[in-house]
Structure formats: C-alpha cells, structure tokens
PDB file of N, CA and C in Angstrom:
ATOM      1  N   MET A   1     -19.496   8.233  89.991  1.00  0.00           N
ATOM      2  CA  MET A   1     -20.316   8.707  88.914  1.00  0.00           C
ATOM      3  C   MET A   1     -21.696   8.193  89.341  1.00  0.00           C
ATOM      4  N   SER A   2     -22.639   8.810  88.857  1.00  0.00           N
ATOM      5  CA  SER A   2     -23.901   8.929  88.813  1.00  0.00           C
ATOM      6  C   SER A   2     -24.600   7.714  87.902  1.00  0.00           C
ATOM      7  N   GLU A   3     -25.994   7.685  87.809  1.00  0.00           N
ATOM      8  CA  GLU A   3     -26.248   6.328  87.641  1.00  0.00           C
ATOM      9  C   GLU A   3     -26.464   6.521  86.308  1.00  0.00           C
ATOM     10  N   LEU A   4     -26.879   7.567  85.721  1.00  0.00           N
ATOM     11  CA  LEU A   4     -27.001   7.964  84.392  1.00  0.00           C
ATOM     12  C   LEU A   4     -25.899   7.994  83.410  1.00  0.00           C
ATOM     13  N   GLU A   5     -24.620   8.618  83.947  1.00  0.00           N
ATOM     14  CA  GLU A   5     -23.513   8.566  83.526  1.00  0.00           C
ATOM     15  C   GLU A   5     -22.901   7.239  83.581  1.00  0.00           C
ATOM     16  N   ALA A   6     -23.375   6.093  84.208  1.00  0.00           N
ATOM     17  CA  ALA A   6     -22.681   4.992  84.039  1.00  0.00           C
ATOM     18  C   ALA A   6     -23.341   4.054  83.125  1.00  0.00           C
ATOM     19  N   ARG A   7     -24.510   4.601  82.862  1.00  0.00           N
ATOM     20  CA  ARG A   7     -25.536   3.729  81.711  1.00  0.00           C
ATOM     21  C   ARG A   7     -25.060   4.539  80.390  1.00  0.00           C
ATOM     22  N   MET A   8     -24.677   5.941  80.270  1.00  0.00           N
ATOM     23  CA  MET A   8     -24.384   6.586  79.134  1.00  0.00           C
ATOM     24  C   MET A   8     -23.041   6.163  78.594  1.00  0.00           C
ATOM     25  N   SER A   9     -22.141   5.543  79.384  1.00  0.00           N
ATOM     26  CA  SER A   9     -20.743   5.339  79.009  1.00  0.00           C
ATOM     27  C   SER A   9     -20.561   3.708  78.746  1.00  0.00           C
ATOM     28  N   THR A  10     -21.536   3.013  78.933  1.00  0.00           N
ATOM     29  CA  THR A  10     -21.612   1.384  78.553  1.00  0.00           C
ATOM     30  C   THR A  10     -21.957   1.329  77.027  1.00  0.00           C
ATOM     31  N   GLU A  11     -21.110   0.347  76.741  1.00  0.00           N
ATOM     32  CA  GLU A  11     -21.246   0.069  75.190  1.00  0.00           C
ATOM     33  C   GLU A  11     -23.000  -0.196  74.818  1.00  0.00           C
ATOM     34  N   PRO A  12     -23.315   0.247  73.822  1.00  0.00           N
ATOM     35  CA  PRO A  12     -25.201  -0.122  73.303  1.00  0.00           C
ATOM     36  C   PRO A  12     -25.112  -1.429  73.268  1.00  0.00           C
ATOM     37  N   ALA A  13     -26.329  -2.097  73.543  1.00  0.00           N
ATOM     38  CA  ALA A  13     -26.620  -3.579  73.348  1.00  0.00           C
ATOM     39  C   ALA A  13     -26.500  -3.554  71.751  1.00  0.00           C
ATOM     40  N   PRO A  14     -26.536  -4.949  71.100  1.00  0.00           N
ATOM     41  CA  PRO A  14     -26.068  -5.300  69.584  1.00  0.00           C
ATOM     42  C   PRO A  14     -27.466  -4.639  69.162  1.00  0.00           C
ATOM     43  N   GLU A  15     -28.731  -5.133  69.900  1.00  0.00           N
ATOM     44  CA  GLU A  15     -29.715  -4.674  68.979  1.00  0.00           C
ATOM     45  C   GLU A  15     -30.318  -3.473  69.313  1.00  0.00           C
ATOM     46  N   ASP A  16     -29.401  -2.411  70.036  1.00  0.00           N
ATOM     47  CA  ASP A  16     -29.705  -0.998  70.076  1.00  0.00           C
ATOM     48  C   ASP A  16     -28.878  -0.095  69.240  1.00  0.00           C
ATOM     49  N   ARG A  17     -27.712  -0.896  68.521  1.00  0.00           N
ATOM     50  CA  ARG A  17     -26.511  -0.201  67.570  1.00  0.00           C
ATOM     51  C   ARG A  17     -27.379   0.440  66.582  1.00  0.00           C
ATOM     52  N   ILE A  18     -27.040   1.662  66.040  1.00  0.00           N
ATOM     53  CA  ILE A  18     -28.196   1.981  64.813  1.00  0.00           C
ATOM     54  C   ILE A  18     -26.928   1.684  63.560  1.00  0.00           C
ATOM     55  N   LEU A  19     -27.292   1.246  62.866  1.00  0.00           N
ATOM     56  CA  LEU A  19     -26.523   0.524  61.456  1.00  0.00           C
ATOM     57  C   LEU A  19     -26.889   1.443  60.248  1.00  0.00           C
ATOM     58  N   TYR A  20     -25.952   2.077  59.615  1.00  0.00           N
ATOM     59  CA  TYR A  20     -25.981   2.809  57.960  1.00  0.00           C
ATOM     60  C   TYR A  20     -25.698   1.984  57.184  1.00  0.00           C
ATOM     61  N   GLN A  21     -26.053   2.442  55.768  1.00  0.00           N
ATOM     62  CA  GLN A  21     -25.831   1.774  54.754  1.00  0.00           C
ATOM     63  C   GLN A  21     -25.589   2.475  53.631  1.00  0.00           C
ATOM     64  N   CYS A  22     -24.344   2.526  52.932  1.00  0.00           N
ATOM     65  CA  CYS A  22     -23.907   3.277  51.791  1.00  0.00           C
ATOM     66  C   CYS A  22     -24.862   3.017  50.611  1.00  0.00           C
ATOM     67  N   VAL A  23     -25.121   3.906  49.870  1.00  0.00           N
ATOM     68  CA  VAL A  23     -26.330   4.025  48.677  1.00  0.00           C
ATOM     69  C   VAL A  23     -25.197   3.283  47.428  1.00  0.00           C
ATOM     70  N   TRP A  24     -24.010   4.088  47.682  1.00  0.00           N
ATOM     71  CA  TRP A  24     -23.076   3.561  46.289  1.00  0.00           C
ATOM     72  C   TRP A  24     -22.339   1.806  46.374  1.00  0.00           C
ATOM     73  N   CYS A  25     -21.907   2.045  47.788  1.00  0.00           N
ATOM     74  CA  CYS A  25     -21.061   0.504  47.963  1.00  0.00           C
ATOM     75  C   CYS A  25     -21.995  -0.570  48.400  1.00  0.00           C
ATOM     76  N   GLY A  26     -22.825   0.155  49.239  1.00  0.00           N
ATOM     77  CA  GLY A  26     -23.764  -1.074  50.091  1.00  0.00           C
ATOM     78  C   GLY A  26     -23.188  -1.223  51.085  1.00  0.00           C
ATOM     79  N   ARG A  27     -22.201  -1.080  51.633  1.00  0.00           N
ATOM     80  CA  ARG A  27     -21.771  -1.644  52.837  1.00  0.00           C
ATOM     81  C   ARG A  27     -22.554  -0.897  54.101  1.00  0.00           C
ATOM     82  N   LYS A  28     -22.363  -1.939  54.946  1.00  0.00           N
ATOM     83  CA  LYS A  28     -23.010  -1.645  56.312  1.00  0.00           C
ATOM     84  C   LYS A  28     -22.035  -1.067  57.421  1.00  0.00           C
ATOM     85  N   PHE A  29     -22.348   0.055  58.070  1.00  0.00           N
ATOM     86  CA  PHE A  29     -21.339   0.430  59.023  1.00  0.00           C
ATOM     87  C   PHE A  29     -22.138   1.092  60.339  1.00  0.00           C
ATOM     88  N   GLU A  30     -21.572   0.932  61.365  1.00  0.00           N
ATOM     89  CA  GLU A  30     -22.367   1.606  62.836  1.00  0.00           C
ATOM     90  C   GLU A  30     -22.023   2.953  62.775  1.00  0.00           C
ATOM     91  N   LYS A  31     -22.778   4.027  63.489  1.00  0.00           N
ATOM     92  CA  LYS A  31     -23.158   5.143  63.438  1.00  0.00           C
ATOM     93  C   LYS A  31     -21.293   5.872  64.357  1.00  0.00           C
ATOM     94  N   ARG A  32     -20.995   4.728  65.013  1.00  0.00           N
ATOM     95  CA  ARG A  32     -19.877   5.422  65.730  1.00  0.00           C
ATOM     96  C   ARG A  32     -18.538   5.385  64.584  1.00  0.00           C
ATOM     97  N   MET A  33     -18.559   4.530  63.473  1.00  0.00           N
ATOM     98  CA  MET A  33     -17.551   4.961  62.362  1.00  0.00           C
ATOM     99  C   MET A  33     -17.744   5.964  61.957  1.00  0.00           C
ATOM    100  N   LEU A  34     -18.804   7.084  61.965  1.00  0.00           N
ATOM    101  CA  LEU A  34     -18.779   8.125  60.886  1.00  0.00           C
ATOM    102  C   LEU A  34     -18.258   9.232  61.752  1.00  0.00           C
ATOM    103  N   SER A  35     -17.563  10.143  60.782  1.00  0.00           N
ATOM    104  CA  SER A  35     -16.501  11.253  61.478  1.00  0.00           C
ATOM    105  C   SER A  35     -17.571  12.252  61.683  1.00  0.00           C
ATOM    106  N   LYS A  36     -17.054  13.071  62.613  1.00  0.00           N
ATOM    107  CA  LYS A  36     -18.027  13.882  63.409  1.00  0.00           C
ATOM    108  C   LYS A  36     -17.973  15.289  62.338  1.00  0.00           C
ATOM    109  N   ILE A  37     -16.678  15.167  61.243  1.00  0.00           N
ATOM    110  CA  ILE A  37     -16.745  16.320  60.397  1.00  0.00           C
ATOM    111  C   ILE A  37     -17.371  15.910  59.020  1.00  0.00           C
ATOM    112  N   ALA A  38     -17.546  14.727  58.461  1.00  0.00           N
ATOM    113  CA  ALA A  38     -18.265  14.682  57.471  1.00  0.00           C
ATOM    114  C   ALA A  38     -19.106  13.292  57.790  1.00  0.00           C
ATOM    115  N   GLU A  39     -20.448  13.756  58.328  1.00  0.00           N
ATOM    116  CA  GLU A  39     -21.007  12.802  59.067  1.00  0.00           C
ATOM    117  C   GLU A  39     -22.187  12.356  58.165  1.00  0.00           C
ATOM    118  N   THR A  40     -22.204  12.615  56.778  1.00  0.00           N
ATOM    119  CA  THR A  40     -22.947  12.185  55.598  1.00  0.00           C
ATOM    120  C   THR A  40     -22.242  11.299  54.854  1.00  0.00           C
ATOM    121  N   ARG A  41     -20.843  10.893  55.094  1.00  0.00           N
ATOM    122  CA  ARG A  41     -20.004  10.119  54.218  1.00  0.00           C
ATOM    123  C   ARG A  41     -19.667   8.775  54.613  1.00  0.00           C
ATOM    124  N   CYS A  42     -19.559   8.163  53.315  1.00  0.00           N
ATOM    125  CA  CYS A  42     -19.330   6.348  54.022  1.00  0.00           C
ATOM    126  C   CYS A  42     -18.040   6.327  54.166  1.00  0.00           C
ATOM    127  N   PRO A  43     -17.470   5.352  55.348  1.00  0.00           N
ATOM    128  CA  PRO A  43     -16.028   5.764  55.812  1.00  0.00           C
ATOM    129  C   PRO A  43     -15.311   4.799  54.773  1.00  0.00           C
ATOM    130  N   TYR A  44     -16.193   3.952  53.790  1.00  0.00           N
ATOM    131  CA  TYR A  44     -15.327   3.042  53.068  1.00  0.00           C
ATOM    132  C   TYR A  44     -14.928   3.599  51.626  1.00  0.00           C
ATOM    133  N   CYS A  45     -16.132   4.226  50.973  1.00  0.00           N
ATOM    134  CA  CYS A  45     -15.852   4.990  49.437  1.00  0.00           C
ATOM    135  C   CYS A  45     -15.790   6.636  49.613  1.00  0.00           C
ATOM    136  N   GLY A  46     -16.586   6.989  50.597  1.00  0.00           N
ATOM    137  CA  GLY A  46     -16.677   8.279  50.453  1.00  0.00           C
ATOM    138  C   GLY A  46     -17.804   9.089  49.939  1.00  0.00           C
ATOM    139  N   PHE A  47     -19.036   8.065  49.334  1.00  0.00           N
ATOM    140  CA  PHE A  47     -20.035   8.741  48.642  1.00  0.00           C
ATOM    141  C   PHE A  47     -20.713   9.412  49.982  1.00  0.00           C
ATOM    142  N   ASN A  48     -21.275  10.312  49.595  1.00  0.00           N
ATOM    143  CA  ASN A  48     -21.976  11.373  50.420  1.00  0.00           C
ATOM    144  C   ASN A  48     -23.487  11.092  50.775  1.00  0.00           C
ATOM    145  N   VAL A  49     -23.976  10.018  50.265  1.00  0.00           N
ATOM    146  CA  VAL A  49     -25.132   9.649  50.566  1.00  0.00           C
ATOM    147  C   VAL A  49     -25.438   8.193  51.342  1.00  0.00           C
ATOM    148  N   ILE A  50     -26.162   8.362  52.598  1.00  0.00           N
ATOM    149  CA  ILE A  50     -26.253   7.155  53.345  1.00  0.00           C
ATOM    150  C   ILE A  50     -27.875   6.668  53.448  1.00  0.00           C
ATOM    151  N   MET A  51     -27.617   5.904  54.454  1.00  0.00           N
ATOM    152  CA  MET A  51     -29.643   6.130  54.742  1.00  0.00           C
ATOM    153  C   MET A  51     -29.216   4.832  55.985  1.00  0.00           C
ATOM    154  N   LYS A  52     -30.187   4.556  56.798  1.00  0.00           N
ATOM    155  CA  LYS A  52     -30.347   3.580  57.714  1.00  0.00           C
ATOM    156  C   LYS A  52     -30.608   2.336  57.165  1.00  0.00           C
ATOM    157  N   ALA A  53     -29.775   1.434  57.730  1.00  0.00           N
ATOM    158  CA  ALA A  53     -29.978   0.212  57.205  1.00  0.00           C
ATOM    159  C   ALA A  53     -31.213  -0.691  57.591  1.00  0.00           C
ATOM    160  N   ARG A  54     -32.119  -1.248  57.087  1.00  0.00           N
ATOM    161  CA  ARG A  54     -32.955  -2.120  57.184  1.00  0.00           C
ATOM    162  C   ARG A  54     -32.653  -3.390  58.362  1.00  0.00           C
ATOM    163  N   SER A  55     -33.901  -3.839  58.554  1.00  0.00           N
ATOM    164  CA  SER A  55     -33.212  -4.647  59.940  1.00  0.00           C
ATOM    165  C   SER A  55     -33.392  -5.956  59.000  1.00  0.00           C
ATOM    166  N   GLN A  56     -32.765  -7.081  59.419  1.00  0.00           N
ATOM    167  CA  GLN A  56     -33.121  -8.373  58.948  1.00  0.00           C
ATOM    168  C   GLN A  56     -34.196  -8.990  59.271  1.00  0.00           C
ATOM    169  N   THR A  57     -34.592  -8.817  60.470  1.00  0.00           N
ATOM    170  CA  THR A  57     -35.731  -9.363  61.216  1.00  0.00           C
ATOM    171  C   THR A  57     -37.217  -8.319  61.094  1.00  0.00           C
ATOM    172  N   ALA A  58     -38.327  -9.065  61.029  1.00  0.00           N
ATOM    173  CA  ALA A  58     -39.424  -8.096  61.414  1.00  0.00           C
ATOM    174  C   ALA A  58     -39.768  -8.019  62.402  1.00  0.00           C
ATOM    175  N   LYS A  59     -40.204  -6.626  62.895  1.00  0.00           N
ATOM    176  CA  LYS A  59     -40.910  -6.464  64.090  1.00  0.00           C
ATOM    177  C   LYS A  59     -42.604  -6.668  64.230  1.00  0.00           C
ATOM    178  N   LEU A  60     -42.891  -7.301  65.569  1.00  0.00           N
ATOM    179  CA  LEU A  60     -44.319  -7.681  65.456  1.00  0.00           C
ATOM    180  C   LEU A  60     -45.135  -6.621  66.259  1.00  0.00           C
ATOM    181  N   ILE A  61     -45.864  -5.927  65.971  1.00  0.00           N
ATOM    182  CA  ILE A  61     -46.469  -4.889  66.110  1.00  0.00           C
ATOM    183  C   ILE A  61     -47.798  -5.116  66.635  1.00  0.00           C
ATOM    184  N   VAL A  62     -48.306  -5.621  68.004  1.00  0.00           N
ATOM    185  CA  VAL A  62     -49.514  -5.887  68.466  1.00  0.00           C
ATOM    186  C   VAL A  62     -50.625  -4.354  68.371  1.00  0.00           C
ATOM    187  N   SER A  63     -51.120  -4.169  67.396  1.00  0.00           N
ATOM    188  CA  SER A  63     -52.214  -3.255  67.164  1.00  0.00           C
ATOM    189  C   SER A  63     -53.468  -3.069  68.370  1.00  0.00           C
ATOM    190  N   SER A  64     -53.987  -4.011  68.909  1.00  0.00           N
ATOM    191  CA  SER A  64     -54.946  -4.008  69.829  1.00  0.00           C
ATOM    192  C   SER A  64     -54.687  -5.397  70.505  1.00  0.00           C
ATOM    193  N   LYS A  65     -55.569  -5.578  71.457  1.00  0.00           N
ATOM    194  CA  LYS A  65     -55.586  -6.690  72.150  1.00  0.00           C
ATOM    195  C   LYS A  65     -56.660  -7.324  72.614  1.00  0.00           C
ATOM    196  N   LEU A  66     -57.298  -8.080  71.453  1.00  0.00           N
ATOM    197  CA  LEU A  66     -58.212  -8.779  71.386  1.00  0.00           C
ATOM    198  C   LEU A  66     -58.512  -9.971  72.311  1.00  0.00           C
ATOM    199  N   THR A  67     -59.873 -10.289  72.838  1.00  0.00           N
ATOM    200  CA  THR A  67     -59.498 -11.790  73.543  1.00  0.00           C
ATOM    201  C   THR A  67     -60.079 -12.298  72.309  1.00  0.00           C
ATOM    202  N   GLU A  68     -59.927 -13.823  72.668  1.00  0.00           N
ATOM    203  CA  GLU A  68     -59.985 -15.379  71.624  1.00  0.00           C
ATOM    204  C   GLU A  68     -61.331 -15.211  70.774  1.00  0.00           C
ATOM    205  N   GLU A  69     -62.588 -14.668  71.904  1.00  0.00           N
ATOM    206  CA  GLU A  69     -63.967 -14.361  71.309  1.00  0.00           C
ATOM    207  C   GLU A  69     -64.367 -13.391  70.454  1.00  0.00           C
ATOM    208  N   GLN A  70     -63.522 -12.199  70.796  1.00  0.00           N
ATOM    209  CA  GLN A  70     -63.509 -11.192  69.896  1.00  0.00           C
ATOM    210  C   GLN A  70     -63.032 -11.322  68.352  1.00  0.00           C
ATOM    211  N   ARG A  71     -61.696 -11.674  68.173  1.00  0.00           N
ATOM    212  CA  ARG A  71     -60.881 -12.424  67.237  1.00  0.00           C
ATOM    213  C   ARG A  71     -62.076 -13.362  66.601  1.00  0.00           C
ATOM    214  N   LEU A  72     -62.690 -14.057  66.903  1.00  0.00           N
ATOM    215  CA  LEU A  72     -63.674 -15.048  66.564  1.00  0.00           C
ATOM    216  C   LEU A  72     -64.673 -14.297  65.627  1.00  0.00           C
ATOM    217  N   LEU A  73     -65.414 -13.360  66.501  1.00  0.00           N
ATOM    218  CA  LEU A  73     -66.199 -12.628  66.018  1.00  0.00           C
ATOM    219  C   LEU A  73     -66.114 -11.564  64.799  1.00  0.00           C
ATOM    220  N   THR A  74     -64.792 -10.991  64.593  1.00  0.00           N
ATOM    221  CA  THR A  74     -64.445  -9.979  63.812  1.00  0.00           C
ATOM    222  C   THR A  74     -63.891 -10.850  62.318  1.00  0.00           C
ATOM    223  N   GLU A  75     -63.606 -12.397  62.354  1.00  0.00           N
ATOM    224  CA  GLU A  75     -63.069 -12.897  61.279  1.00  0.00           C
ATOM    225  C   GLU A  75     -64.146 -13.365  60.389  1.00  0.00           C
ATOM    226  N   VAL A  76     -65.454 -12.699  60.216  1.00  0.00           N
ATOM    227  CA  VAL A  76     -66.238 -13.546  59.731  1.00  0.00           C
ATOM    228  C   VAL A  76     -66.079 -13.394  58.121  1.00  0.00           C
TER     229      VAL A  76
END
C-alpha cells in the first residue's frame, strides 16, 4: 500500500470532518452519513435542504505580519 493510499484510508481528524446541518430540524451530521443517492437530504427528517454547519470556534486569520513598531505607528 502506498503512502497516499494509507492516508486516504485513515479516519479524518475531528477538526477535519465536514459537518452539515438540516435547515428544517436543525440536527447536525457528518458528510459520511449522507446517502450517495439522496446526497442533499437530511438523514433524520428527509428534508431536502442542508447547509454546512458553522464552527463553534472562531478562526484567527493573520492578514499581515507587522512589527510591533509598525503597529504602534499605524494605531494613531
């Protein structure tokens, strides 16, 4: 088994799994729970509109790497 196949066959890390949420019942579920046939239906209530669930934690995005001196000069 090649290294690529080994990586693909392993379970995704908890932070890498994709969560969806049903618009109607509000339940959250993983992508693996979706049927291959009805990929846009909630596995619990059968409603046909789902969306990606939002993360409970915020992401910190660094827009630029300013030095402390540059930051002080721009906070006028």
